Amino acid sequence: MYRQLIPVSWSRVLYARYPRRAAYGLLMCALLLAACGSGERESRLLPTHMILPSSTPSATSTPSPTVTWTPSPTPSLTPSPTVTPSSTMTQAPTATATLTVTASPTLTITPVPTPVQVVVSDGAGAYARTGPGTDYAEFGIVKPGQRFTVVAYAGGDEGDLWFLVTLPDGQQVWVSGWVVDPLGLDDLARISPAATVPPSPIPPSTDTPTPAVTLPPGADAIIPADSRVNLRSGAGLDFDLLLTLEPGTPLRLIGRNADMTWFQVATFDGFQGWVFAELLTIYRADPANLTQSWVDLAPNAPANAVVGLNAALLPDQLEQARTIYQHGQQVGNRPNSFLLIGDSVDSEGEFLRAFGSGNYDLGDYVYLQATIDFYNQAGAFADVYQTSHTGFRYAMLFDATWSNPAFCEAGETPLDCEYRNKKPSVAIIYLGLNDMRFDTPDSFRYNMTQVIQQLIGNGVIPVVTTFTIADYYEYYSQAPIYLRIMREVAAGFHVPLIDFNERAQPLPNHGTGEDGAHLTFREDRHISFAGDQHRYGTALRELLTLQILDDLRRNVFIPYSP
């Protein structure tokens, strides 16, 4: 059989321009093929623009004056054109051909679907593995922001989702669905399950793993033998690096975040911080029962504040304070130690120091004496604080440049240094004046949130105090924005807020001196609650602060101390 396919576009040209010649040529070709029979096909391609019929037997003729030739039926090809020749041949033959052309079908192009990709989540980093689960060998590390094309998916041993992705060099690895941005239902529907999954190197087990090494008493986790892991000041990659834990370091688990992706740990040489959960080997049978010591900011929480001269903590603040304090006791914080975090209003105003030296008069507030005695046992009122410094703002608490080398270790931030040295249960914060001058509102909110989170994570109860300024202060017009942020952040974490700005409004210059920012006080530095709280900004602020410390001591520390 011999057929030659030729472009349909040229066949159309032939029939359109020379219909008679085309029909005649077709008939002649058919006669030639019939005469040739089943002989060997000529190797050279024929210059024709049609689909030629197969070779058929020679026409049958009768030796008479008139010979009739009937060709074999031409096969019908779809969608190629069908040619049906018919002719009657006599001694002077006359050929007649009928041509039928079937139009070629319209070409339809189906678009190739866009491959599904996943992006490693910001603030997360994890190992890429040789199979769908943490039991498989580590192939490498995926970093925040990296994008990979998904080949397939599979479920892990713990019921989680893993994606088989392609690396830039063409190799395929598995990444956990926990470390990538969530996919929509439409994208998930376009991913096929993996045809084959590598066999698990370790049989799944619900039993607590048996340590390969002998752990010291109290240890319930260890750094794997082939890893060095960063210890951070908070539950996230954007928190300060405290130190790098060496392979085989035993650890004690002391807290966790809500989804247990980060654990708070303590080393046996006195360090404490946060470690990414996937980088730990955990031997504790019930890590979910650990205290949730990391708290995220609650959105749109109503601003609640201590505003009266005899106000107590609000119910949500009291409940949160008890939770934080109990965690602090587990990590060794001291009930009668507090931390001052402030700027020159604290350091130059000698905030609370009168209660350490005895230069005070309680007036009608004699009930506060028990709290003053409680903190004087640890020398809290007379102490010096590395977190209270002229010009301080929230961002500087994370900058080791501002740490005093006489008290702090190399590279240690002021906040980490003071926590390590004092192990406080409360932090009294008065910041915002310098933040308002140098930081945008968004930066201010971010830095404040990080400080509050780190304090709570360490079992320290933050007490936020709003600042006051005179109407003529240079940045007075910007103050409402920053004051609102302070109230919102404190409310979002349900921690105590002393709205000193509101309480100081009736005082002369709202409790400030000539510069409109530093608080007024008596020349002899004497603190009296027998009326000075209505005249001097320092006396009013110290009264409100002592009331909060007294409420915490009576309703949190005493009932919930071990």
Protein backbone atom coordinates (compact mmCIF):
# COMPACT_ATOMS: atom_id res chain seq x y z
CA MET A 1 0.00 0.00 0.00
CA TYR A 2 1.27 3.45 -0.79
CA ARG A 3 -0.08 6.74 0.45
CA GLN A 4 1.42 10.15 0.53
CA LEU A 5 0.12 12.86 2.87
CA ILE A 6 0.45 16.35 1.51
CA PRO A 7 -0.46 19.73 3.14
CA VAL A 8 -4.14 20.47 2.93
CA SER A 9 -3.47 24.15 2.26
CA TRP A 10 -1.73 23.41 -1.09
CA SER A 11 -4.46 20.97 -2.22
CA ARG A 12 -6.98 23.71 -1.70
CA VAL A 13 -4.94 26.04 -3.89
CA LEU A 14 -4.81 23.47 -6.72
CA TYR A 15 -8.53 22.86 -6.73
CA ALA A 16 -9.36 26.53 -6.39
CA ARG A 17 -7.17 27.71 -9.28
CA TYR A 18 -7.06 24.73 -11.70
CA PRO A 19 -10.05 22.46 -11.09
CA ARG A 20 -10.02 20.80 -14.50
CA ARG A 21 -6.28 20.17 -14.53
CA ALA A 22 -6.41 18.77 -11.04
CA ALA A 23 -9.15 16.31 -11.91
CA TYR A 24 -7.36 15.25 -15.06
CA GLY A 25 -4.10 14.74 -13.20
CA LEU A 26 -5.86 12.68 -10.60
CA LEU A 27 -7.33 10.38 -13.25
CA MET A 28 -4.00 9.87 -14.94
CA CYS A 29 -2.32 8.99 -11.66
CA ALA A 30 -5.04 6.45 -10.95
CA LEU A 31 -4.53 4.83 -14.38
CA LEU A 32 -0.79 4.66 -13.91
CA LEU A 33 -1.14 3.02 -10.50
CA ALA A 34 -3.60 0.50 -11.88
CA ALA A 35 -1.22 -0.38 -14.67
CA CYS A 36 1.71 -0.79 -12.30
CA GLY A 37 -0.11 -3.34 -10.19
CA SER A 38 1.74 -4.40 -7.03
CA GLY A 39 5.18 -3.55 -8.26
CA GLU A 40 7.83 -2.06 -6.02
CA ARG A 41 7.13 1.50 -4.96
CA GLU A 42 9.26 4.21 -6.46
CA SER A 43 11.49 5.70 -3.80
CA ARG A 44 11.10 9.30 -4.97
CA LEU A 45 8.09 11.14 -3.49
CA LEU A 46 5.51 12.20 -6.06
CA PRO A 47 4.96 15.94 -6.35
CA THR A 48 1.26 15.83 -5.60
CA HIS A 49 -0.94 17.66 -3.10
CA MET A 50 -3.59 14.98 -2.52
CA ILE A 51 -3.94 11.65 -0.75
CA LEU A 52 -3.49 9.09 -3.53
CA PRO A 53 -5.52 5.88 -3.54
CA SER A 54 -3.92 2.53 -2.87
CA SER A 55 -2.78 0.38 -5.82
CA THR A 56 -5.65 -1.72 -7.15
CA PRO A 57 -5.85 -4.49 -9.73
CA SER A 58 -5.91 -3.48 -13.41
CA ALA A 59 -9.26 -2.66 -14.92
CA THR A 60 -11.15 -5.56 -16.57
CA SER A 61 -11.74 -5.12 -20.31
CA THR A 62 -13.67 -7.16 -22.91
CA PRO A 63 -12.20 -7.42 -26.43
CA SER A 64 -14.96 -5.65 -28.22
CA PRO A 65 -15.18 -2.36 -30.06
CA THR A 66 -16.24 -0.75 -26.77
CA VAL A 67 -14.22 -1.44 -23.62
CA THR A 68 -15.68 -0.53 -20.23
CA TRP A 69 -13.24 0.17 -17.34
CA THR A 70 -14.50 0.15 -13.77
CA PRO A 71 -11.96 1.22 -11.18
CA SER A 72 -11.88 -0.18 -7.67
CA PRO A 73 -13.70 1.93 -5.07
CA THR A 74 -11.50 4.61 -3.57
CA PRO A 75 -11.29 4.26 0.23
CA SER A 76 -12.92 7.08 2.17
CA LEU A 77 -10.51 8.69 4.68
CA THR A 78 -11.77 10.95 7.39
CA PRO A 79 -10.96 13.78 7.86
CA SER A 80 -8.70 13.63 4.72
CA PRO A 81 -10.33 14.43 1.36
CA THR A 82 -12.14 11.54 -0.44
CA VAL A 83 -11.71 11.19 -4.19
CA THR A 84 -14.26 9.14 -6.17
CA PRO A 85 -13.27 8.84 -9.86
CA SER A 86 -15.65 7.44 -12.49
CA SER A 87 -15.05 7.10 -16.24
CA THR A 88 -16.07 5.27 -19.38
CA MET A 89 -13.35 4.39 -21.87
CA THR A 90 -13.88 3.50 -25.53
CA GLN A 91 -11.40 3.19 -28.31
CA ALA A 92 -11.17 6.96 -28.09
CA PRO A 93 -11.54 7.16 -24.28
CA THR A 94 -12.97 10.22 -22.62
CA ALA A 95 -12.26 10.59 -18.89
CA THR A 96 -14.72 12.11 -16.40
CA ALA A 97 -13.83 12.58 -12.72
CA THR A 98 -15.90 13.69 -9.73
CA LEU A 99 -13.93 15.29 -6.89
CA THR A 100 -15.18 15.47 -3.26
CA VAL A 101 -13.09 17.43 -0.69
CA THR A 102 -13.80 17.22 3.03
CA ALA A 103 -12.57 20.22 5.03
CA SER A 104 -9.91 19.53 7.63
CA PRO A 105 -10.99 19.86 11.32
CA THR A 106 -10.27 23.01 13.35
CA LEU A 107 -7.15 22.70 15.50
CA THR A 108 -7.89 23.06 19.23
CA ILE A 109 -5.04 23.90 21.66
CA THR A 110 -5.57 22.87 25.29
CA PRO A 111 -3.62 25.18 27.67
CA VAL A 112 -1.08 23.50 29.94
CA PRO A 113 -2.14 24.01 33.60
CA THR A 114 0.14 26.18 35.77
CA PRO A 115 2.01 23.99 38.28
CA VAL A 116 1.11 24.42 41.96
CA GLN A 117 3.83 26.06 44.03
CA VAL A 118 4.36 26.45 47.76
CA VAL A 119 6.23 29.22 49.56
CA VAL A 120 8.09 28.66 52.83
CA SER A 121 6.37 30.79 55.47
CA ASP A 122 7.99 33.90 56.87
CA GLY A 123 9.55 33.28 60.23
CA ALA A 124 9.73 29.53 59.69
CA GLY A 125 12.56 27.34 58.67
CA ALA A 126 12.77 23.58 58.58
CA TYR A 127 14.52 20.60 57.11
CA ALA A 128 13.72 19.19 53.70
CA ARG A 129 13.65 15.41 54.05
CA THR A 130 13.93 12.26 51.97
CA GLY A 131 10.39 11.18 52.82
CA PRO A 132 7.10 12.51 54.23
CA GLY A 133 7.86 12.60 57.93
CA THR A 134 10.38 13.66 60.56
CA ASP A 135 11.68 10.10 60.77
CA TYR A 136 13.27 10.46 57.34
CA ALA A 137 16.80 11.69 56.81
CA GLU A 138 17.47 15.42 56.53
CA PHE A 139 18.32 16.51 52.99
CA GLY A 140 18.87 20.21 53.65
CA ILE A 141 17.21 23.33 55.05
CA VAL A 142 14.44 25.34 53.42
CA LYS A 143 14.49 29.03 54.22
CA PRO A 144 11.71 31.60 54.59
CA GLY A 145 10.45 32.91 51.24
CA GLN A 146 11.74 30.04 49.09
CA ARG A 147 9.28 28.87 46.40
CA PHE A 148 9.04 25.28 45.13
CA THR A 149 6.92 23.47 42.52
CA VAL A 150 4.78 20.69 44.02
CA VAL A 151 4.97 17.27 42.40
CA ALA A 152 2.74 15.26 44.76
CA TYR A 153 1.59 14.98 48.33
CA ALA A 154 1.45 12.33 51.05
CA GLY A 155 0.33 12.06 54.64
CA GLY A 156 2.88 11.74 57.43
CA ASP A 157 2.86 9.27 60.29
CA GLU A 158 1.23 11.86 62.55
CA GLY A 159 -1.60 12.65 60.13
CA ASP A 160 0.05 15.80 58.82
CA LEU A 161 0.49 16.76 55.16
CA TRP A 162 3.81 16.63 53.30
CA PHE A 163 4.61 17.94 49.81
CA LEU A 164 7.04 16.41 47.33
CA VAL A 165 8.73 19.43 45.72
CA THR A 166 11.37 20.01 43.08
CA LEU A 167 14.54 21.91 43.97
CA PRO A 168 16.19 24.29 41.46
CA ASP A 169 18.75 21.60 40.60
CA GLY A 170 15.98 19.11 39.72
CA GLN A 171 16.21 16.95 42.86
CA GLN A 172 12.98 16.11 44.65
CA VAL A 173 12.55 16.34 48.43
CA TRP A 174 9.72 16.44 50.96
CA VAL A 175 8.69 19.46 53.05
CA SER A 176 6.09 19.63 55.80
CA GLY A 177 2.83 21.44 55.16
CA TRP A 178 3.36 23.21 58.50
CA VAL A 179 6.28 25.30 57.16
CA VAL A 180 4.65 26.59 53.96
CA ASP A 181 1.88 29.09 53.29
CA PRO A 182 -1.53 27.33 53.26
CA LEU A 183 -2.85 26.33 49.84
CA GLY A 184 -6.40 26.96 48.63
CA LEU A 185 -8.79 24.13 47.93
CA ASP A 186 -8.45 24.64 44.18
CA ASP A 187 -4.67 24.25 44.32
CA LEU A 188 -4.89 21.20 46.58
CA ALA A 189 -7.32 19.57 44.16
CA ARG A 190 -4.73 19.88 41.36
CA ILE A 191 -2.07 17.96 43.30
CA SER A 192 -1.99 14.19 42.94
CA PRO A 193 -1.11 11.79 45.75
CA ALA A 194 2.36 10.33 45.51
CA ALA A 195 2.41 7.09 43.53
CA THR A 196 5.13 5.67 45.77
CA VAL A 197 6.39 6.75 49.18
CA PRO A 198 9.82 5.76 50.52
CA PRO A 199 9.50 3.21 53.31
CA SER A 200 9.70 4.76 56.75
CA PRO A 201 13.18 4.25 58.21
CA ILE A 202 11.72 4.01 61.71
CA PRO A 203 8.54 2.03 62.43
CA PRO A 204 5.86 4.37 63.81
CA SER A 205 5.49 4.12 67.56
CA THR A 206 3.43 5.90 70.19
CA ASP A 207 5.85 4.98 72.96
CA THR A 208 8.22 7.50 74.48
CA PRO A 209 11.61 7.00 72.79
CA THR A 210 14.34 5.48 74.84
CA PRO A 211 17.27 7.88 75.13
CA ALA A 212 20.35 6.79 73.25
CA VAL A 213 22.37 8.61 75.90
CA THR A 214 22.08 8.85 79.63
CA LEU A 215 20.28 12.07 80.50
CA PRO A 216 20.85 13.90 83.78
CA PRO A 217 17.95 13.89 86.25
CA GLY A 218 15.26 16.37 85.21
CA ALA A 219 16.21 16.42 81.52
CA ASP A 220 13.44 15.58 79.06
CA ALA A 221 14.96 16.73 75.75
CA ILE A 222 18.31 16.77 74.01
CA ILE A 223 19.99 18.39 71.02
CA PRO A 224 20.54 15.69 68.34
CA ALA A 225 24.08 14.41 67.93
CA ASP A 226 24.36 15.75 64.37
CA SER A 227 22.95 19.24 65.00
CA ARG A 228 23.82 22.61 66.49
CA VAL A 229 20.69 24.53 67.47
CA ASN A 230 20.09 28.22 68.19
CA LEU A 231 18.65 29.26 71.54
CA ARG A 232 16.56 32.43 71.11
CA SER A 233 15.01 34.99 73.44
CA GLY A 234 11.51 34.40 72.05
CA ALA A 235 9.39 31.98 70.05
CA GLY A 236 10.38 33.10 66.56
CA LEU A 237 13.34 33.54 64.21
CA ASP A 238 13.21 37.33 64.60
CA PHE A 239 14.10 37.17 68.30
CA ASP A 240 17.66 37.56 69.58
CA LEU A 241 20.10 34.67 69.35
CA LEU A 242 21.25 33.95 72.90
CA LEU A 243 23.71 31.16 72.12
CA THR A 244 24.14 28.04 69.99
CA LEU A 245 23.53 24.73 71.74
CA GLU A 246 26.04 22.02 70.92
CA PRO A 247 25.14 18.45 69.87
CA GLY A 248 24.11 16.27 72.79
CA THR A 249 23.17 19.18 75.08
CA PRO A 250 20.55 17.97 77.61
CA LEU A 251 17.61 20.31 78.24
CA ARG A 252 14.68 20.76 80.55
CA LEU A 253 11.37 21.72 78.89
CA ILE A 254 9.70 24.56 80.81
CA GLY A 255 7.11 26.00 78.40
CA ARG A 256 5.67 26.08 74.90
CA ASN A 257 3.71 28.22 72.45
CA ALA A 258 0.12 27.49 71.46
CA ASP A 259 0.81 25.03 68.61
CA MET A 260 3.99 23.55 70.14
CA THR A 261 6.18 24.65 67.23
CA TRP A 262 8.52 26.28 69.78
CA PHE A 263 9.58 25.05 73.23
CA GLN A 264 10.98 27.06 76.08
CA VAL A 265 13.98 25.22 77.50
CA ALA A 266 16.53 25.57 80.27
CA THR A 267 20.09 24.31 80.10
CA PHE A 268 21.84 22.75 83.07
CA ASP A 269 24.36 25.60 83.19
CA GLY A 270 21.75 28.33 83.77
CA PHE A 271 20.66 29.50 80.31
CA GLN A 272 17.03 29.78 79.29
CA GLY A 273 15.37 30.47 75.96
CA TRP A 274 13.35 29.14 73.02
CA VAL A 275 14.15 26.38 70.50
CA PHE A 276 12.34 25.40 67.30
CA ALA A 277 10.50 22.16 68.10
CA GLU A 278 11.59 20.18 65.01
CA LEU A 279 15.23 20.59 66.00
CA LEU A 280 14.79 18.82 69.35
CA THR A 281 14.69 15.19 70.37
CA ILE A 282 11.99 15.10 73.06
CA TYR A 283 11.68 12.32 75.63
CA ARG A 284 8.89 13.85 77.67
CA ALA A 285 5.69 11.84 77.30
CA ASP A 286 3.30 14.80 77.75
CA PRO A 287 4.78 17.97 76.21
CA ALA A 288 1.24 19.27 75.60
CA ASN A 289 0.82 19.57 79.38
CA LEU A 290 3.59 22.16 79.61
CA THR A 291 2.52 25.70 80.46
CA GLN A 292 1.67 27.77 77.40
CA SER A 293 4.20 30.42 78.32
CA TRP A 294 4.16 32.20 74.96
CA VAL A 295 1.16 34.46 74.39
CA ASP A 296 0.21 36.07 71.09
CA LEU A 297 -1.39 39.49 70.88
CA ALA A 298 -5.20 39.27 70.85
CA PRO A 299 -6.70 41.47 68.09
CA ASN A 300 -9.20 44.24 68.83
CA ALA A 301 -9.15 43.78 72.59
CA PRO A 302 -10.88 46.61 74.54
CA ALA A 303 -8.47 48.89 76.35
CA ASN A 304 -8.75 48.37 80.13
CA ALA A 305 -6.70 50.41 82.56
CA VAL A 306 -6.20 51.13 86.23
CA VAL A 307 -7.51 54.67 86.46
CA GLY A 308 -8.64 55.22 90.06
CA LEU A 309 -6.50 56.08 93.08
CA ASN A 310 -7.71 52.90 94.81
CA ALA A 311 -8.29 50.73 91.76
CA ALA A 312 -7.60 47.00 91.69
CA LEU A 313 -6.55 44.82 88.80
CA LEU A 314 -9.34 43.98 86.38
CA PRO A 315 -10.51 40.33 86.26
CA ASP A 316 -8.81 39.47 82.94
CA GLN A 317 -5.58 41.13 84.08
CA LEU A 318 -5.65 39.25 87.35
CA GLU A 319 -6.19 35.89 85.65
CA GLN A 320 -3.37 36.53 83.18
CA ALA A 321 -1.05 37.68 85.97
CA ARG A 322 -1.62 34.44 87.87
CA THR A 323 -0.81 32.35 84.80
CA ILE A 324 2.39 34.29 84.11
CA TYR A 325 3.47 34.22 87.76
CA GLN A 326 3.01 30.45 88.10
CA HIS A 327 5.16 29.91 85.04
CA GLY A 328 7.76 32.28 86.47
CA GLN A 329 7.94 30.22 89.63
CA GLN A 330 8.63 27.11 87.57
CA VAL A 331 11.63 28.80 85.95
CA GLY A 332 13.01 30.22 89.20
CA ASN A 333 11.81 33.83 89.23
CA ARG A 334 11.84 35.69 92.56
CA PRO A 335 8.47 36.98 93.84
CA ASN A 336 9.94 40.10 95.51
CA SER A 337 12.13 41.16 92.59
CA PHE A 338 10.91 43.59 89.96
CA LEU A 339 12.40 45.22 86.88
CA LEU A 340 12.26 48.90 85.94
CA ILE A 341 12.15 49.55 82.19
CA GLY A 342 12.18 53.23 81.40
CA ASP A 343 13.90 56.36 80.14
CA SER A 344 15.23 59.48 81.88
CA VAL A 345 11.87 59.98 83.63
CA ASP A 346 12.90 56.93 85.69
CA SER A 347 16.67 57.28 85.86
CA GLU A 348 16.83 61.02 86.49
CA GLY A 349 13.62 61.15 88.53
CA GLU A 350 14.85 58.49 91.01
CA PHE A 351 11.67 56.56 90.54
CA LEU A 352 10.62 54.56 93.68
CA ARG A 353 13.98 55.08 95.38
CA ALA A 354 12.41 56.96 98.31
CA PHE A 355 10.84 53.68 99.49
CA GLY A 356 14.29 52.15 99.78
CA SER A 357 15.75 55.07 101.71
CA GLY A 358 12.72 55.72 103.93
CA ASN A 359 12.09 59.21 102.58
CA TYR A 360 8.30 58.86 102.27
CA ASP A 361 4.95 59.40 103.98
CA LEU A 362 2.07 57.07 103.12
CA GLY A 363 -0.68 59.35 104.46
CA ASP A 364 -3.99 57.47 104.16
CA TYR A 365 -2.31 54.59 102.27
CA VAL A 366 -0.59 52.89 105.20
CA TYR A 367 -1.76 49.50 103.91
CA LEU A 368 0.98 49.78 101.29
CA GLN A 369 3.69 49.40 103.93
CA ALA A 370 3.52 45.59 103.79
CA THR A 371 4.28 45.69 100.07
CA ILE A 372 7.16 48.14 100.58
CA ASP A 373 8.65 45.78 103.19
CA PHE A 374 8.13 42.81 100.85
CA TYR A 375 10.25 44.34 98.08
CA ASN A 376 12.82 45.87 100.42
CA GLN A 377 13.72 42.34 101.52
CA ALA A 378 15.35 41.92 98.09
CA GLY A 379 16.59 45.53 97.86
CA ALA A 380 14.36 46.18 94.83
CA PHE A 381 13.71 49.87 95.55
CA ALA A 382 17.40 50.71 95.96
CA ASP A 383 18.70 48.65 93.04
CA VAL A 384 20.20 49.91 89.75
CA TYR A 385 18.52 48.77 86.54
CA GLN A 386 20.30 48.31 83.20
CA THR A 387 16.92 48.59 81.45
CA SER A 388 16.30 52.13 82.71
CA HIS A 389 18.46 54.67 80.90
CA THR A 390 18.29 58.20 79.53
CA GLY A 391 17.02 58.18 75.95
CA PHE A 392 15.80 54.58 76.10
CA ARG A 393 13.08 53.27 73.80
CA TYR A 394 11.75 49.75 73.18
CA ALA A 395 14.13 48.86 70.33
CA MET A 396 17.19 49.57 72.49
CA LEU A 397 16.27 46.80 74.92
CA PHE A 398 17.36 44.35 72.20
CA ASP A 399 20.61 46.18 71.36
CA ALA A 400 23.69 44.85 73.16
CA THR A 401 25.39 48.21 72.55
CA TRP A 402 23.45 49.58 75.52
CA SER A 403 24.46 46.81 77.92
CA ASN A 404 26.83 47.62 80.75
CA PRO A 405 29.84 45.25 80.45
CA ALA A 406 30.28 45.40 84.22
CA PHE A 407 26.98 43.52 84.64
CA CYS A 408 26.29 41.92 81.27
CA GLU A 409 28.04 39.26 79.24
CA ALA A 410 29.49 39.95 75.80
CA GLY A 411 26.69 40.27 73.22
CA GLU A 412 23.95 40.14 75.87
CA THR A 413 21.08 42.60 75.42
CA PRO A 414 19.97 44.86 78.32
CA LEU A 415 16.68 42.95 78.64
CA ASP A 416 18.35 39.53 78.71
CA CYS A 417 21.05 40.79 81.06
CA GLU A 418 18.63 42.19 83.65
CA TYR A 419 16.40 39.14 83.53
CA ARG A 420 19.37 36.84 84.11
CA ASN A 421 20.69 38.94 87.00
CA LYS A 422 17.44 39.74 88.81
CA LYS A 423 14.99 36.93 87.84
CA PRO A 424 12.07 39.31 88.46
CA SER A 425 8.36 38.52 88.65
CA VAL A 426 7.20 41.99 87.57
CA ALA A 427 8.43 44.58 85.04
CA ILE A 428 7.24 48.19 85.42
CA ILE A 429 7.47 49.91 82.02
CA TYR A 430 7.50 53.64 81.30
CA LEU A 431 8.56 54.16 77.67
CA GLY A 432 7.21 55.94 74.61
CA LEU A 433 8.52 59.49 74.76
CA ASN A 434 11.67 58.73 72.76
CA ASP A 435 9.90 56.14 70.59
CA MET A 436 7.52 58.90 69.53
CA ARG A 437 10.48 60.99 68.38
CA PHE A 438 12.46 58.34 66.50
CA ASP A 439 10.17 55.41 65.58
CA THR A 440 7.11 55.20 63.36
CA PRO A 441 3.86 54.01 64.97
CA ASP A 442 4.21 50.61 63.28
CA SER A 443 7.78 50.17 64.53
CA PHE A 444 6.72 51.26 67.99
CA ARG A 445 3.92 48.68 68.09
CA TYR A 446 6.23 45.93 66.80
CA ASN A 447 9.02 46.65 69.31
CA MET A 448 6.62 46.99 72.23
CA THR A 449 4.93 43.72 71.31
CA GLN A 450 8.25 41.88 71.21
CA VAL A 451 9.25 43.16 74.66
CA ILE A 452 5.88 42.20 76.19
CA GLN A 453 6.02 38.73 74.61
CA GLN A 454 9.54 38.08 75.85
CA LEU A 455 8.68 39.17 79.37
CA ILE A 456 5.60 36.94 79.49
CA GLY A 457 7.59 34.06 78.06
CA ASN A 458 10.07 34.44 80.91
CA GLY A 459 7.31 34.44 83.51
CA VAL A 460 7.53 38.20 84.16
CA ILE A 461 4.28 40.20 84.55
CA PRO A 462 4.50 43.40 82.45
CA VAL A 463 2.91 46.53 83.95
CA VAL A 464 2.55 49.14 81.19
CA THR A 465 2.33 52.82 82.17
CA THR A 466 1.22 55.49 79.70
CA PHE A 467 3.32 58.67 79.63
CA THR A 468 2.12 62.19 80.28
CA ILE A 469 3.24 65.43 78.58
CA ALA A 470 2.36 69.12 78.69
CA ASP A 471 0.19 70.68 76.00
CA TYR A 472 3.18 72.66 74.70
CA TYR A 473 5.47 69.62 74.35
CA GLU A 474 7.11 69.47 70.90
CA TYR A 475 5.53 66.14 69.94
CA TYR A 476 2.19 66.71 71.64
CA SER A 477 0.19 66.28 68.41
CA GLN A 478 1.67 62.81 67.84
CA ALA A 479 1.07 61.57 71.38
CA PRO A 480 -2.52 60.26 70.92
CA ILE A 481 -1.35 57.75 68.28
CA TYR A 482 1.35 56.26 70.51
CA LEU A 483 -0.83 56.31 73.63
CA ARG A 484 -3.52 54.41 71.74
CA ILE A 485 -0.98 51.77 70.69
CA MET A 486 0.15 51.33 74.29
CA ARG A 487 -3.41 50.79 75.45
CA GLU A 488 -4.18 48.37 72.62
CA VAL A 489 -1.07 46.24 73.13
CA ALA A 490 -1.59 46.00 76.89
CA ALA A 491 -5.23 45.05 76.37
CA GLY A 492 -4.29 42.51 73.71
CA PHE A 493 -2.04 40.68 76.19
CA HIS A 494 -4.42 41.24 79.15
CA VAL A 495 -1.62 42.70 81.23
CA PRO A 496 -1.94 45.54 83.76
CA LEU A 497 -2.09 49.05 82.32
CA ILE A 498 -1.71 52.17 84.47
CA ASP A 499 -3.20 54.96 82.38
CA PHE A 500 -1.06 57.62 84.01
CA ASN A 501 -1.68 60.00 81.11
CA GLU A 502 -5.38 60.14 81.99
CA ARG A 503 -4.89 60.37 85.75
CA ALA A 504 -2.34 63.20 85.40
CA GLN A 505 -4.61 65.50 83.40
CA PRO A 506 -5.86 67.49 86.47
CA LEU A 507 -2.30 68.18 87.67
CA PRO A 508 -0.47 71.40 86.75
CA ASN A 509 1.09 70.93 83.28
CA HIS A 510 -0.35 67.38 83.50
CA GLY A 511 2.30 66.55 86.09
CA THR A 512 5.32 67.70 84.05
CA GLY A 513 7.98 70.36 84.53
CA GLU A 514 9.26 73.11 82.26
CA ASP A 515 10.32 70.77 79.44
CA GLY A 516 6.82 69.29 79.29
CA ALA A 517 8.03 65.67 79.62
CA HIS A 518 9.87 65.03 82.91
CA LEU A 519 7.68 64.73 85.99
CA THR A 520 7.54 67.25 88.78
CA PHE A 521 8.64 66.38 92.35
CA ARG A 522 9.47 68.06 95.63
CA GLU A 523 12.92 69.62 95.94
CA ASP A 524 13.81 67.37 98.87
CA ARG A 525 12.73 64.29 96.88
CA HIS A 526 10.33 63.41 99.66
CA ILE A 527 7.34 61.32 98.56
CA SER A 528 4.13 62.05 100.42
CA PHE A 529 0.71 60.56 99.78
CA ALA A 530 -0.86 63.10 102.11
CA GLY A 531 -1.75 65.40 99.23
CA ASP A 532 1.36 65.54 97.02
CA GLN A 533 -0.23 63.04 94.62
CA HIS A 534 -2.53 65.89 93.56
CA ARG A 535 0.32 68.33 92.93
CA TYR A 536 3.36 66.39 91.65
CA GLY A 537 3.55 63.97 88.77
CA THR A 538 6.16 61.78 90.49
CA ALA A 539 4.06 61.32 93.66
CA LEU A 540 0.95 60.37 91.65
CA ARG A 541 2.80 57.87 89.48
CA GLU A 542 4.51 56.21 92.46
CA LEU A 543 1.19 55.85 94.29
CA LEU A 544 -0.46 54.15 91.30
CA THR A 545 2.54 51.84 90.84
CA LEU A 546 2.63 50.81 94.52
CA GLN A 547 -1.07 49.99 94.37
CA ILE A 548 -0.50 47.61 91.47
CA LEU A 549 2.47 45.97 93.23
CA ASP A 550 0.34 45.58 96.36
CA ASP A 551 -2.55 44.04 94.41
CA LEU A 552 -0.18 41.56 92.74
CA ARG A 553 1.42 40.59 96.05
CA ARG A 554 -1.88 40.01 97.86
CA ASN A 555 -3.91 38.40 95.05
CA VAL A 556 -1.26 36.64 92.96
CA PHE A 557 2.03 36.06 94.76
CA ILE A 558 0.82 34.95 98.19
CA PRO A 559 -2.02 32.61 97.08
CA TYR A 560 -0.05 31.10 94.21
CA SER A 561 3.47 30.81 95.63
CA PRO A 562 4.79 27.26 96.07
